[in-house]
Amino acid sequence: RQRQIAFPRQLGMYLCKELVPSLSLSEIGEVFGGKDHTTVIYACQKVAKEARTDGVTRQTLAYLEKAIRG
């Protein structure tokens, strides 16, 4: 998959899981085009790992979270 498409989708999945903990992994996957719950798990793990090691990803997540929360 192209990183241009896959990584933003992974960020979205991660943010859904973090900001709306009541959503199940299956529900998040459904919202993102019928993805399997294991895809959501992988996305969350990948984004969390990248946020620990990459400042740009960490800043992007902070910006998006702030924008979503208002």
N, C-alpha and C. Protein backbone atom coordinates (compact mmCIF):
# COMPACT_ATOMS: atom_id res chain seq x y z
N ARG A 1 0.84 -1.19 0.00
CA ARG A 1 0.00 0.00 0.00
C ARG A 1 0.88 1.25 0.00
N GLN A 2 0.36 2.27 -0.62
CA GLN A 2 1.10 3.52 -0.64
C GLN A 2 1.07 4.16 0.74
N ARG A 3 2.22 4.63 1.17
CA ARG A 3 2.30 5.27 2.47
C ARG A 3 1.40 6.51 2.54
N GLN A 4 1.21 7.18 1.41
CA GLN A 4 0.35 8.37 1.38
C GLN A 4 -1.07 8.05 1.84
N ILE A 5 -1.52 6.85 1.61
CA ILE A 5 -2.87 6.44 1.96
C ILE A 5 -2.88 5.65 3.26
N ALA A 6 -1.98 4.71 3.38
CA ALA A 6 -1.99 3.79 4.51
C ALA A 6 -1.67 4.48 5.83
N PHE A 7 -0.65 5.33 5.86
CA PHE A 7 -0.26 5.92 7.14
C PHE A 7 -1.31 6.87 7.70
N PRO A 8 -1.92 7.75 6.89
CA PRO A 8 -3.01 8.57 7.45
C PRO A 8 -4.17 7.73 7.97
N ARG A 9 -4.47 6.63 7.29
CA ARG A 9 -5.54 5.74 7.76
C ARG A 9 -5.14 5.13 9.11
N GLN A 10 -3.88 4.75 9.25
CA GLN A 10 -3.40 4.19 10.51
C GLN A 10 -3.47 5.24 11.62
N LEU A 11 -3.12 6.49 11.30
CA LEU A 11 -3.24 7.56 12.29
C LEU A 11 -4.69 7.71 12.74
N GLY A 12 -5.60 7.66 11.78
CA GLY A 12 -7.02 7.77 12.11
C GLY A 12 -7.49 6.66 13.02
N MET A 13 -7.06 5.45 12.72
CA MET A 13 -7.42 4.31 13.56
C MET A 13 -6.88 4.49 14.97
N TYR A 14 -5.63 4.91 15.06
CA TYR A 14 -5.00 5.12 16.37
C TYR A 14 -5.77 6.18 17.16
N LEU A 15 -6.09 7.30 16.50
CA LEU A 15 -6.79 8.37 17.19
C LEU A 15 -8.19 7.93 17.63
N CYS A 16 -8.87 7.16 16.80
CA CYS A 16 -10.18 6.63 17.20
C CYS A 16 -10.07 5.80 18.46
N LYS A 17 -9.07 4.94 18.50
CA LYS A 17 -8.89 4.07 19.66
C LYS A 17 -8.55 4.87 20.91
N GLU A 18 -7.72 5.89 20.75
CA GLU A 18 -7.30 6.69 21.90
C GLU A 18 -8.39 7.65 22.38
N LEU A 19 -9.10 8.27 21.45
CA LEU A 19 -10.05 9.32 21.82
C LEU A 19 -11.47 8.81 22.08
N VAL A 20 -11.79 7.63 21.56
CA VAL A 20 -13.12 7.05 21.76
C VAL A 20 -12.95 5.60 22.23
N PRO A 21 -12.53 5.43 23.49
CA PRO A 21 -12.24 4.08 23.98
C PRO A 21 -13.45 3.15 24.00
N SER A 22 -14.65 3.71 23.88
CA SER A 22 -15.83 2.85 23.87
C SER A 22 -16.01 2.10 22.55
N LEU A 23 -15.32 2.54 21.50
CA LEU A 23 -15.40 1.85 20.21
C LEU A 23 -14.59 0.56 20.25
N SER A 24 -15.16 -0.50 19.72
CA SER A 24 -14.41 -1.75 19.64
C SER A 24 -13.49 -1.70 18.43
N LEU A 25 -12.52 -2.59 18.41
CA LEU A 25 -11.60 -2.66 17.28
C LEU A 25 -12.34 -2.98 15.99
N SER A 26 -13.35 -3.83 16.08
CA SER A 26 -14.16 -4.18 14.91
C SER A 26 -14.93 -2.97 14.40
N GLU A 27 -15.47 -2.18 15.31
CA GLU A 27 -16.21 -0.98 14.91
C GLU A 27 -15.30 0.03 14.22
N ILE A 28 -14.09 0.20 14.74
CA ILE A 28 -13.13 1.11 14.12
C ILE A 28 -12.78 0.60 12.73
N GLY A 29 -12.53 -0.68 12.60
CA GLY A 29 -12.21 -1.26 11.30
C GLY A 29 -13.33 -1.08 10.30
N GLU A 30 -14.56 -1.20 10.75
CA GLU A 30 -15.72 -1.01 9.87
C GLU A 30 -15.75 0.41 9.32
N VAL A 31 -15.49 1.39 10.18
CA VAL A 31 -15.50 2.79 9.77
C VAL A 31 -14.43 3.06 8.70
N PHE A 32 -13.32 2.38 8.80
CA PHE A 32 -12.21 2.58 7.88
C PHE A 32 -12.24 1.59 6.72
N GLY A 33 -13.42 1.40 6.16
CA GLY A 33 -13.53 0.61 4.95
C GLY A 33 -13.63 -0.88 5.14
N GLY A 34 -14.18 -1.30 6.26
CA GLY A 34 -14.38 -2.72 6.48
C GLY A 34 -13.11 -3.48 6.81
N LYS A 35 -12.16 -2.81 7.43
CA LYS A 35 -10.91 -3.46 7.82
C LYS A 35 -11.14 -4.40 8.99
N ASP A 36 -10.32 -5.41 9.08
CA ASP A 36 -10.39 -6.40 10.15
C ASP A 36 -9.85 -5.80 11.45
N HIS A 37 -10.30 -6.34 12.58
CA HIS A 37 -9.82 -5.84 13.88
C HIS A 37 -8.31 -6.00 14.03
N THR A 38 -7.73 -7.02 13.39
CA THR A 38 -6.28 -7.21 13.49
C THR A 38 -5.53 -6.10 12.76
N THR A 39 -6.13 -5.55 11.72
CA THR A 39 -5.54 -4.42 11.02
C THR A 39 -5.50 -3.20 11.93
N VAL A 40 -6.56 -3.02 12.71
CA VAL A 40 -6.62 -1.90 13.65
C VAL A 40 -5.57 -2.07 14.74
N ILE A 41 -5.42 -3.28 15.24
CA ILE A 41 -4.39 -3.55 16.26
C ILE A 41 -3.02 -3.22 15.70
N TYR A 42 -2.73 -3.69 14.50
CA TYR A 42 -1.43 -3.44 13.86
C TYR A 42 -1.22 -1.93 13.69
N ALA A 43 -2.24 -1.22 13.21
CA ALA A 43 -2.12 0.22 13.00
C ALA A 43 -1.82 0.94 14.30
N CYS A 44 -2.51 0.59 15.36
CA CYS A 44 -2.30 1.25 16.66
C CYS A 44 -0.89 0.98 17.19
N GLN A 45 -0.43 -0.25 17.06
CA GLN A 45 0.91 -0.58 17.51
C GLN A 45 1.97 0.16 16.69
N LYS A 46 1.76 0.21 15.38
CA LYS A 46 2.73 0.86 14.49
C LYS A 46 2.81 2.36 14.77
N VAL A 47 1.66 3.00 14.91
CA VAL A 47 1.64 4.44 15.16
C VAL A 47 2.25 4.75 16.53
N ALA A 48 1.92 3.96 17.54
CA ALA A 48 2.48 4.18 18.87
C ALA A 48 3.99 4.05 18.85
N LYS A 49 4.50 3.04 18.16
CA LYS A 49 5.95 2.85 18.06
C LYS A 49 6.60 4.01 17.32
N GLU A 50 5.98 4.42 16.23
CA GLU A 50 6.56 5.51 15.45
C GLU A 50 6.52 6.82 16.22
N ALA A 51 5.48 7.03 17.01
CA ALA A 51 5.37 8.25 17.82
C ALA A 51 6.47 8.31 18.88
N ARG A 52 6.89 7.15 19.36
CA ARG A 52 7.98 7.12 20.36
C ARG A 52 9.32 7.46 19.74
N THR A 53 9.49 7.15 18.46
CA THR A 53 10.81 7.31 17.84
C THR A 53 10.90 8.47 16.86
N ASP A 54 9.76 9.01 16.42
CA ASP A 54 9.78 10.05 15.39
C ASP A 54 9.04 11.29 15.89
N GLY A 55 9.77 12.37 15.99
CA GLY A 55 9.19 13.62 16.48
C GLY A 55 8.10 14.18 15.58
N VAL A 56 8.23 14.01 14.28
CA VAL A 56 7.23 14.52 13.35
C VAL A 56 5.90 13.81 13.57
N THR A 57 5.95 12.51 13.73
CA THR A 57 4.73 11.74 13.98
C THR A 57 4.11 12.17 15.31
N ARG A 58 4.94 12.35 16.31
CA ARG A 58 4.46 12.78 17.63
C ARG A 58 3.78 14.14 17.53
N GLN A 59 4.38 15.07 16.79
CA GLN A 59 3.80 16.41 16.62
C GLN A 59 2.49 16.34 15.82
N THR A 60 2.47 15.50 14.81
CA THR A 60 1.26 15.33 14.00
C THR A 60 0.11 14.83 14.85
N LEU A 61 0.38 13.83 15.67
CA LEU A 61 -0.65 13.29 16.56
C LEU A 61 -1.16 14.35 17.54
N ALA A 62 -0.24 15.11 18.10
CA ALA A 62 -0.62 16.16 19.05
C ALA A 62 -1.49 17.21 18.37
N TYR A 63 -1.11 17.61 17.15
CA TYR A 63 -1.87 18.59 16.40
C TYR A 63 -3.28 18.07 16.09
N LEU A 64 -3.37 16.84 15.60
CA LEU A 64 -4.66 16.27 15.25
C LEU A 64 -5.55 16.12 16.48
N GLU A 65 -4.98 15.65 17.57
CA GLU A 65 -5.76 15.48 18.80
C GLU A 65 -6.30 16.82 19.29
N LYS A 66 -5.45 17.85 19.23
CA LYS A 66 -5.88 19.18 19.66
C LYS A 66 -7.00 19.70 18.76
N ALA A 67 -6.86 19.48 17.45
CA ALA A 67 -7.89 19.92 16.50
C ALA A 67 -9.21 19.19 16.73
N ILE A 68 -9.14 17.92 17.03
CA ILE A 68 -10.35 17.12 17.25
C ILE A 68 -11.04 17.53 18.56
N ARG A 69 -10.26 17.71 19.59
CA ARG A 69 -10.84 18.06 20.89
C ARG A 69 -11.37 19.50 20.92
N GLY A 70 -10.84 20.32 20.01
CA GLY A 70 -11.35 21.71 19.92
C GLY A 70 -10.57 22.59 20.75
